[in-house]
Amino acid sequence: MKPLAFSVLLIGVVIPSVLSAEEPAQTSKTSVLLMRTGRLISGEIGESAGGYFVKNPAGNMLVPYDSVLFEAKDLHEIYVKQRNSMK
């Protein structure tokens, strides 16, 4: 194989794989969880097999789905969901 052809082949294989590795999946978003205990947890929240995965300045944690009453984008939306559940 000629050096130029090998270089083009190498670039064609390496560049797309590097670009795809730099694009993280956008599965988490900043939001709020209202726990059954009344506690609020906020941070970047994504869903995983066992529950909500929360990343915030205090650290990372996995919150089981059955411990959460509501998930929302902000405190106002939590209030609205809680109010609507009482009707």
PDB file of N, CA and C in Angstrom:
ATOM      1  N   MET A   1       0.857  -1.174   0.000  1.00  0.00           N
ATOM      2  CA  MET A   1       0.000   0.000   0.000  1.00  0.00           C
ATOM      3  C   MET A   1       0.899   1.231   0.000  1.00  0.00           C
ATOM      4  N   LYS A   2       0.547   2.211  -0.812  1.00  0.00           N
ATOM      5  CA  LYS A   2       1.339   3.434  -0.895  1.00  0.00           C
ATOM      6  C   LYS A   2       1.151   4.257   0.375  1.00  0.00           C
ATOM      7  N   PRO A   3       2.192   5.027   0.774  1.00  0.00           N
ATOM      8  CA  PRO A   3       2.089   5.837   1.999  1.00  0.00           C
ATOM      9  C   PRO A   3       0.917   6.809   1.983  1.00  0.00           C
ATOM     10  N   LEU A   4       0.645   7.443   0.835  1.00  0.00           N
ATOM     11  CA  LEU A   4      -0.458   8.406   0.766  1.00  0.00           C
ATOM     12  C   LEU A   4      -1.797   7.705   0.962  1.00  0.00           C
ATOM     13  N   ALA A   5      -1.970   6.576   0.317  1.00  0.00           N
ATOM     14  CA  ALA A   5      -3.225   5.834   0.457  1.00  0.00           C
ATOM     15  C   ALA A   5      -3.404   5.360   1.898  1.00  0.00           C
ATOM     16  N   PHE A   6      -2.321   4.918   2.524  1.00  0.00           N
ATOM     17  CA  PHE A   6      -2.385   4.486   3.921  1.00  0.00           C
ATOM     18  C   PHE A   6      -2.760   5.651   4.826  1.00  0.00           C
ATOM     19  N   SER A   7      -2.198   6.837   4.569  1.00  0.00           N
ATOM     20  CA  SER A   7      -2.508   8.024   5.377  1.00  0.00           C
ATOM     21  C   SER A   7      -3.973   8.404   5.249  1.00  0.00           C
ATOM     22  N   VAL A   8      -4.492   8.368   4.026  1.00  0.00           N
ATOM     23  CA  VAL A   8      -5.897   8.709   3.799  1.00  0.00           C
ATOM     24  C   VAL A   8      -6.793   7.690   4.501  1.00  0.00           C
ATOM     25  N   LEU A   9      -6.439   6.411   4.410  1.00  0.00           N
ATOM     26  CA  LEU A   9      -7.208   5.372   5.075  1.00  0.00           C
ATOM     27  C   LEU A   9      -7.172   5.561   6.591  1.00  0.00           C
ATOM     28  N   LEU A  10      -6.000   5.857   7.120  1.00  0.00           N
ATOM     29  CA  LEU A  10      -5.841   6.064   8.553  1.00  0.00           C
ATOM     30  C   LEU A  10      -6.663   7.259   9.032  1.00  0.00           C
ATOM     31  N   ILE A  11      -6.621   8.353   8.281  1.00  0.00           N
ATOM     32  CA  ILE A  11      -7.403   9.543   8.636  1.00  0.00           C
ATOM     33  C   ILE A  11      -8.894   9.236   8.561  1.00  0.00           C
ATOM     34  N   GLY A  12      -9.297   8.480   7.556  1.00  0.00           N
ATOM     35  CA  GLY A  12     -10.708   8.125   7.400  1.00  0.00           C
ATOM     36  C   GLY A  12     -11.235   7.260   8.530  1.00  0.00           C
ATOM     37  N   VAL A  13     -10.361   6.499   9.164  1.00  0.00           N
ATOM     38  CA  VAL A  13     -10.780   5.634  10.262  1.00  0.00           C
ATOM     39  C   VAL A  13     -10.642   6.332  11.612  1.00  0.00           C
ATOM     40  N   VAL A  14      -9.548   7.050  11.824  1.00  0.00           N
ATOM     41  CA  VAL A  14      -9.255   7.639  13.130  1.00  0.00           C
ATOM     42  C   VAL A  14     -10.094   8.876  13.413  1.00  0.00           C
ATOM     43  N   ILE A  15     -10.202   9.790  12.465  1.00  0.00           N
ATOM     44  CA  ILE A  15     -10.918  11.057  12.696  1.00  0.00           C
ATOM     45  C   ILE A  15     -12.375  10.819  13.109  1.00  0.00           C
ATOM     46  N   PRO A  16     -13.159  10.018  12.383  1.00  0.00           N
ATOM     47  CA  PRO A  16     -14.549   9.825  12.832  1.00  0.00           C
ATOM     48  C   PRO A  16     -14.655   9.205  14.222  1.00  0.00           C
ATOM     49  N   SER A  17     -13.757   8.270  14.556  1.00  0.00           N
ATOM     50  CA  SER A  17     -13.841   7.662  15.883  1.00  0.00           C
ATOM     51  C   SER A  17     -13.467   8.659  16.972  1.00  0.00           C
ATOM     52  N   VAL A  18     -12.527   9.552  16.704  1.00  0.00           N
ATOM     53  CA  VAL A  18     -12.159  10.584  17.678  1.00  0.00           C
ATOM     54  C   VAL A  18     -13.304  11.567  17.849  1.00  0.00           C
ATOM     55  N   LEU A  19     -13.933  11.968  16.756  1.00  0.00           N
ATOM     56  CA  LEU A  19     -15.048  12.915  16.839  1.00  0.00           C
ATOM     57  C   LEU A  19     -16.224  12.315  17.591  1.00  0.00           C
ATOM     58  N   SER A  20     -16.518  11.053  17.349  1.00  0.00           N
ATOM     59  CA  SER A  20     -17.649  10.446  18.050  1.00  0.00           C
ATOM     60  C   SER A  20     -17.347  10.269  19.532  1.00  0.00           C
ATOM     61  N   ALA A  21     -16.088  10.097  19.897  1.00  0.00           N
ATOM     62  CA  ALA A  21     -15.730   9.960  21.307  1.00  0.00           C
ATOM     63  C   ALA A  21     -15.848  11.284  22.047  1.00  0.00           C
ATOM     64  N   GLU A  22     -15.754  12.403  21.332  1.00  0.00           N
ATOM     65  CA  GLU A  22     -15.834  13.715  21.970  1.00  0.00           C
ATOM     66  C   GLU A  22     -17.256  14.174  22.205  1.00  0.00           C
ATOM     67  N   GLU A  23     -18.238  13.502  21.616  1.00  0.00           N
ATOM     68  CA  GLU A  23     -19.628  13.908  21.750  1.00  0.00           C
ATOM     69  C   GLU A  23     -20.310  13.052  22.810  1.00  0.00           C
ATOM     70  N   PRO A  24     -20.390  13.541  24.055  1.00  0.00           N
ATOM     71  CA  PRO A  24     -21.033  12.745  25.100  1.00  0.00           C
ATOM     72  C   PRO A  24     -22.536  12.670  24.884  1.00  0.00           C
ATOM     73  N   ALA A  25     -23.129  11.601  25.318  1.00  0.00           N
ATOM     74  CA  ALA A  25     -24.575  11.449  25.203  1.00  0.00           C
ATOM     75  C   ALA A  25     -25.250  12.433  26.155  1.00  0.00           C
ATOM     76  N   GLN A  26     -26.270  13.115  25.671  1.00  0.00           N
ATOM     77  CA  GLN A  26     -26.995  14.099  26.470  1.00  0.00           C
ATOM     78  C   GLN A  26     -28.160  13.414  27.177  1.00  0.00           C
ATOM     79  N   THR A  27     -27.853  12.551  28.144  1.00  0.00           N
ATOM     80  CA  THR A  27     -28.909  11.844  28.845  1.00  0.00           C
ATOM     81  C   THR A  27     -29.284  12.486  30.170  1.00  0.00           C
ATOM     82  N   SER A  28     -28.431  13.332  30.679  1.00  0.00           N
ATOM     83  CA  SER A  28     -28.740  13.959  31.958  1.00  0.00           C
ATOM     84  C   SER A  28     -29.107  15.420  31.763  1.00  0.00           C
ATOM     85  N   LYS A  29     -29.876  15.951  32.717  1.00  0.00           N
ATOM     86  CA  LYS A  29     -30.283  17.350  32.662  1.00  0.00           C
ATOM     87  C   LYS A  29     -30.354  17.875  34.085  1.00  0.00           C
ATOM     88  N   THR A  30     -30.236  19.175  34.213  1.00  0.00           N
ATOM     89  CA  THR A  30     -30.341  19.768  35.541  1.00  0.00           C
ATOM     90  C   THR A  30     -31.809  19.796  35.940  1.00  0.00           C
ATOM     91  N   SER A  31     -32.109  19.177  37.052  1.00  0.00           N
ATOM     92  CA  SER A  31     -33.484  19.142  37.520  1.00  0.00           C
ATOM     93  C   SER A  31     -33.521  18.867  39.022  1.00  0.00           C
ATOM     94  N   VAL A  32     -34.731  18.644  39.535  1.00  0.00           N
ATOM     95  CA  VAL A  32     -34.961  18.500  40.972  1.00  0.00           C
ATOM     96  C   VAL A  32     -35.760  17.218  41.216  1.00  0.00           C
ATOM     97  N   LEU A  33     -35.414  16.514  42.290  1.00  0.00           N
ATOM     98  CA  LEU A  33     -36.185  15.355  42.730  1.00  0.00           C
ATOM     99  C   LEU A  33     -36.829  15.682  44.069  1.00  0.00           C
ATOM    100  N   LEU A  34     -38.109  15.362  44.212  1.00  0.00           N
ATOM    101  CA  LEU A  34     -38.782  15.456  45.507  1.00  0.00           C
ATOM    102  C   LEU A  34     -38.872  14.041  46.057  1.00  0.00           C
ATOM    103  N   MET A  35     -38.212  13.820  47.192  1.00  0.00           N
ATOM    104  CA  MET A  35     -38.179  12.501  47.809  1.00  0.00           C
ATOM    105  C   MET A  35     -39.448  12.261  48.626  1.00  0.00           C
ATOM    106  N   ARG A  36     -39.733  11.015  48.930  1.00  0.00           N
ATOM    107  CA  ARG A  36     -40.885  10.666  49.773  1.00  0.00           C
ATOM    108  C   ARG A  36     -40.761  11.262  51.172  1.00  0.00           C
ATOM    109  N   THR A  37     -39.547  11.524  51.606  1.00  0.00           N
ATOM    110  CA  THR A  37     -39.308  12.116  52.929  1.00  0.00           C
ATOM    111  C   THR A  37     -39.547  13.618  52.947  1.00  0.00           C
ATOM    112  N   GLY A  38     -39.732  14.238  51.757  1.00  0.00           N
ATOM    113  CA  GLY A  38     -39.891  15.678  51.660  1.00  0.00           C
ATOM    114  C   GLY A  38     -38.604  16.386  51.283  1.00  0.00           C
ATOM    115  N   ARG A  39     -37.513  15.664  51.290  1.00  0.00           N
ATOM    116  CA  ARG A  39     -36.213  16.241  50.933  1.00  0.00           C
ATOM    117  C   ARG A  39     -36.154  16.522  49.433  1.00  0.00           C
ATOM    118  N   LEU A  40     -35.470  17.601  49.072  1.00  0.00           N
ATOM    119  CA  LEU A  40     -35.248  17.947  47.668  1.00  0.00           C
ATOM    120  C   LEU A  40     -33.796  17.680  47.307  1.00  0.00           C
ATOM    121  N   ILE A  41     -33.580  17.093  46.151  1.00  0.00           N
ATOM    122  CA  ILE A  41     -32.233  16.867  45.634  1.00  0.00           C
ATOM    123  C   ILE A  41     -32.178  17.484  44.252  1.00  0.00           C
ATOM    124  N   SER A  42     -31.165  18.314  44.015  1.00  0.00           N
ATOM    125  CA  SER A  42     -31.034  18.932  42.695  1.00  0.00           C
ATOM    126  C   SER A  42     -29.656  18.643  42.130  1.00  0.00           C
ATOM    127  N   GLY A  43     -29.559  18.721  40.826  1.00  0.00           N
ATOM    128  CA  GLY A  43     -28.299  18.486  40.134  1.00  0.00           C
ATOM    129  C   GLY A  43     -28.566  17.990  38.732  1.00  0.00           C
ATOM    130  N   GLU A  44     -27.529  17.461  38.104  1.00  0.00           N
ATOM    131  CA  GLU A  44     -27.690  16.847  36.789  1.00  0.00           C
ATOM    132  C   GLU A  44     -28.238  15.453  37.026  1.00  0.00           C
ATOM    133  N   ILE A  45     -29.458  15.223  36.574  1.00  0.00           N
ATOM    134  CA  ILE A  45     -30.146  13.975  36.875  1.00  0.00           C
ATOM    135  C   ILE A  45     -30.388  13.194  35.592  1.00  0.00           C
ATOM    136  N   GLY A  46     -29.965  11.950  35.618  1.00  0.00           N
ATOM    137  CA  GLY A  46     -30.195  11.037  34.509  1.00  0.00           C
ATOM    138  C   GLY A  46     -30.788   9.748  35.053  1.00  0.00           C
ATOM    139  N   GLU A  47     -31.366   8.960  34.171  1.00  0.00           N
ATOM    140  CA  GLU A  47     -31.964   7.707  34.604  1.00  0.00           C
ATOM    141  C   GLU A  47     -31.011   6.553  34.338  1.00  0.00           C
ATOM    142  N   SER A  48     -30.949   5.631  35.274  1.00  0.00           N
ATOM    143  CA  SER A  48     -30.149   4.421  35.099  1.00  0.00           C
ATOM    144  C   SER A  48     -31.025   3.223  35.454  1.00  0.00           C
ATOM    145  N   ALA A  49     -30.453   2.048  35.440  1.00  0.00           N
ATOM    146  CA  ALA A  49     -31.237   0.832  35.668  1.00  0.00           C
ATOM    147  C   ALA A  49     -31.875   0.798  37.056  1.00  0.00           C
ATOM    148  N   GLY A  50     -31.172   1.265  38.071  1.00  0.00           N
ATOM    149  CA  GLY A  50     -31.684   1.152  39.430  1.00  0.00           C
ATOM    150  C   GLY A  50     -32.388   2.375  39.964  1.00  0.00           C
ATOM    151  N   GLY A  51     -32.334   3.484  39.249  1.00  0.00           N
ATOM    152  CA  GLY A  51     -32.954   4.708  39.736  1.00  0.00           C
ATOM    153  C   GLY A  51     -32.387   5.929  39.046  1.00  0.00           C
ATOM    154  N   TYR A  52     -32.506   7.063  39.701  1.00  0.00           N
ATOM    155  CA  TYR A  52     -31.987   8.314  39.162  1.00  0.00           C
ATOM    156  C   TYR A  52     -30.528   8.475  39.577  1.00  0.00           C
ATOM    157  N   PHE A  53     -29.654   8.781  38.619  1.00  0.00           N
ATOM    158  CA  PHE A  53     -28.255   9.058  38.910  1.00  0.00           C
ATOM    159  C   PHE A  53     -28.111  10.566  39.012  1.00  0.00           C
ATOM    160  N   VAL A  54     -27.668  11.056  40.168  1.00  0.00           N
ATOM    161  CA  VAL A  54     -27.592  12.494  40.429  1.00  0.00           C
ATOM    162  C   VAL A  54     -26.137  12.912  40.566  1.00  0.00           C
ATOM    163  N   LYS A  55     -25.750  13.930  39.784  1.00  0.00           N
ATOM    164  CA  LYS A  55     -24.427  14.550  39.907  1.00  0.00           C
ATOM    165  C   LYS A  55     -24.636  15.970  40.394  1.00  0.00           C
ATOM    166  N   ASN A  56     -24.042  16.310  41.540  1.00  0.00           N
ATOM    167  CA  ASN A  56     -24.094  17.679  42.034  1.00  0.00           C
ATOM    168  C   ASN A  56     -22.789  17.974  42.763  1.00  0.00           C
ATOM    169  N   PRO A  57     -22.577  19.216  43.210  1.00  0.00           N
ATOM    170  CA  PRO A  57     -21.307  19.562  43.862  1.00  0.00           C
ATOM    171  C   PRO A  57     -20.981  18.704  45.092  1.00  0.00           C
ATOM    172  N   ALA A  58     -21.988  18.161  45.754  1.00  0.00           N
ATOM    173  CA  ALA A  58     -21.750  17.322  46.933  1.00  0.00           C
ATOM    174  C   ALA A  58     -21.238  15.938  46.558  1.00  0.00           C
ATOM    175  N   GLY A  59     -21.415  15.541  45.300  1.00  0.00           N
ATOM    176  CA  GLY A  59     -20.973  14.223  44.848  1.00  0.00           C
ATOM    177  C   GLY A  59     -22.012  13.564  43.963  1.00  0.00           C
ATOM    178  N   ASN A  60     -21.786  12.308  43.669  1.00  0.00           N
ATOM    179  CA  ASN A  60     -22.701  11.530  42.839  1.00  0.00           C
ATOM    180  C   ASN A  60     -23.468  10.553  43.713  1.00  0.00           C
ATOM    181  N   MET A  61     -24.721  10.301  43.343  1.00  0.00           N
ATOM    182  CA  MET A  61     -25.509   9.329  44.097  1.00  0.00           C
ATOM    183  C   MET A  61     -26.538   8.674  43.190  1.00  0.00           C
ATOM    184  N   LEU A  62     -26.935   7.483  43.556  1.00  0.00           N
ATOM    185  CA  LEU A  62     -27.998   6.766  42.868  1.00  0.00           C
ATOM    186  C   LEU A  62     -29.205   6.747  43.792  1.00  0.00           C
ATOM    187  N   VAL A  63     -30.307   7.319  43.322  1.00  0.00           N
ATOM    188  CA  VAL A  63     -31.529   7.409  44.124  1.00  0.00           C
ATOM    189  C   VAL A  63     -32.539   6.417  43.552  1.00  0.00           C
ATOM    190  N   PRO A  64     -32.969   5.429  44.324  1.00  0.00           N
ATOM    191  CA  PRO A  64     -33.937   4.446  43.823  1.00  0.00           C
ATOM    192  C   PRO A  64     -35.240   5.119  43.385  1.00  0.00           C
ATOM    193  N   TYR A  65     -35.841   4.586  42.319  1.00  0.00           N
ATOM    194  CA  TYR A  65     -37.082   5.160  41.796  1.00  0.00           C
ATOM    195  C   TYR A  65     -38.182   5.200  42.857  1.00  0.00           C
ATOM    196  N   ASP A  66     -38.274   4.181  43.698  1.00  0.00           N
ATOM    197  CA  ASP A  66     -39.362   4.140  44.673  1.00  0.00           C
ATOM    198  C   ASP A  66     -39.185   5.116  45.833  1.00  0.00           C
ATOM    199  N   SER A  67     -38.042   5.792  45.899  1.00  0.00           N
ATOM    200  CA  SER A  67     -37.815   6.814  46.928  1.00  0.00           C
ATOM    201  C   SER A  67     -38.225   8.204  46.460  1.00  0.00           C
ATOM    202  N   VAL A  68     -38.605   8.326  45.182  1.00  0.00           N
ATOM    203  CA  VAL A  68     -38.880   9.632  44.572  1.00  0.00           C
ATOM    204  C   VAL A  68     -40.372   9.790  44.309  1.00  0.00           C
ATOM    205  N   LEU A  69     -40.916  10.925  44.733  1.00  0.00           N
ATOM    206  CA  LEU A  69     -42.306  11.251  44.409  1.00  0.00           C
ATOM    207  C   LEU A  69     -42.411  11.885  43.030  1.00  0.00           C
ATOM    208  N   PHE A  70     -41.599  12.929  42.791  1.00  0.00           N
ATOM    209  CA  PHE A  70     -41.665  13.660  41.533  1.00  0.00           C
ATOM    210  C   PHE A  70     -40.281  14.068  41.065  1.00  0.00           C
ATOM    211  N   GLU A  71     -40.135  14.148  39.751  1.00  0.00           N
ATOM    212  CA  GLU A  71     -38.953  14.746  39.130  1.00  0.00           C
ATOM    213  C   GLU A  71     -39.453  15.915  38.300  1.00  0.00           C
ATOM    214  N   ALA A  72     -38.737  17.037  38.345  1.00  0.00           N
ATOM    215  CA  ALA A  72     -39.146  18.215  37.586  1.00  0.00           C
ATOM    216  C   ALA A  72     -37.922  19.055  37.251  1.00  0.00           C
ATOM    217  N   LYS A  73     -38.125  20.021  36.342  1.00  0.00           N
ATOM    218  CA  LYS A  73     -36.999  20.869  35.930  1.00  0.00           C
ATOM    219  C   LYS A  73     -36.656  21.932  36.966  1.00  0.00           C
ATOM    220  N   ASP A  74     -37.629  22.307  37.815  1.00  0.00           N
ATOM    221  CA  ASP A  74     -37.363  23.323  38.841  1.00  0.00           C
ATOM    222  C   ASP A  74     -38.350  23.166  40.001  1.00  0.00           C
ATOM    223  N   LEU A  75     -38.176  23.975  41.023  1.00  0.00           N
ATOM    224  CA  LEU A  75     -39.003  23.892  42.226  1.00  0.00           C
ATOM    225  C   LEU A  75     -40.467  24.223  41.941  1.00  0.00           C
ATOM    226  N   HIS A  76     -40.714  25.172  41.055  1.00  0.00           N
ATOM    227  CA  HIS A  76     -42.092  25.536  40.712  1.00  0.00           C
ATOM    228  C   HIS A  76     -42.820  24.347  40.081  1.00  0.00           C
ATOM    229  N   GLU A  77     -42.146  23.638  39.196  1.00  0.00           N
ATOM    230  CA  GLU A  77     -42.777  22.477  38.558  1.00  0.00           C
ATOM    231  C   GLU A  77     -43.054  21.368  39.583  1.00  0.00           C
ATOM    232  N   ILE A  78     -42.170  21.210  40.562  1.00  0.00           N
ATOM    233  CA  ILE A  78     -42.416  20.250  41.652  1.00  0.00           C
ATOM    234  C   ILE A  78     -43.697  20.644  42.393  1.00  0.00           C
ATOM    235  N   TYR A  79     -43.839  21.934  42.699  1.00  0.00           N
ATOM    236  CA  TYR A  79     -45.027  22.433  43.388  1.00  0.00           C
ATOM    237  C   TYR A  79     -46.287  22.128  42.581  1.00  0.00           C
ATOM    238  N   VAL A  80     -46.247  22.400  41.278  1.00  0.00           N
ATOM    239  CA  VAL A  80     -47.413  22.165  40.422  1.00  0.00           C
ATOM    240  C   VAL A  80     -47.764  20.675  40.395  1.00  0.00           C
ATOM    241  N   LYS A  81     -46.774  19.820  40.258  1.00  0.00           N
ATOM    242  CA  LYS A  81     -47.033  18.372  40.233  1.00  0.00           C
ATOM    243  C   LYS A  81     -47.614  17.895  41.560  1.00  0.00           C
ATOM    244  N   GLN A  82     -47.083  18.414  42.656  1.00  0.00           N
ATOM    245  CA  GLN A  82     -47.586  18.017  43.967  1.00  0.00           C
ATOM    246  C   GLN A  82     -49.017  18.510  44.161  1.00  0.00           C
ATOM    247  N   ARG A  83     -49.303  19.736  43.751  1.00  0.00           N
ATOM    248  CA  ARG A  83     -50.653  20.292  43.874  1.00  0.00           C
ATOM    249  C   ARG A  83     -51.639  19.494  43.026  1.00  0.00           C
ATOM    250  N   ASN A  84     -51.251  19.166  41.789  1.00  0.00           N
ATOM    251  CA  ASN A  84     -52.136  18.409  40.903  1.00  0.00           C
ATOM    252  C   ASN A  84     -52.401  16.992  41.419  1.00  0.00           C
ATOM    253  N   SER A  85     -51.472  16.435  42.157  1.00  0.00           N
ATOM    254  CA  SER A  85     -51.676  15.080  42.686  1.00  0.00           C
ATOM    255  C   SER A  85     -52.690  15.060  43.825  1.00  0.00           C
ATOM    256  N   MET A  86     -52.999  16.224  44.396  1.00  0.00           N
ATOM    257  CA  MET A  86     -53.941  16.309  45.512  1.00  0.00           C
ATOM    258  C   MET A  86     -55.373  16.518  45.056  1.00  0.00           C
ATOM    259  N   LYS A  87     -55.584  16.769  43.786  1.00  0.00           N
ATOM    260  CA  LYS A  87     -56.942  17.036  43.283  1.00  0.00           C
ATOM    261  C   LYS A  87     -57.753  15.770  43.182  1.00  0.00           C
TER     262      LYS A  87
END
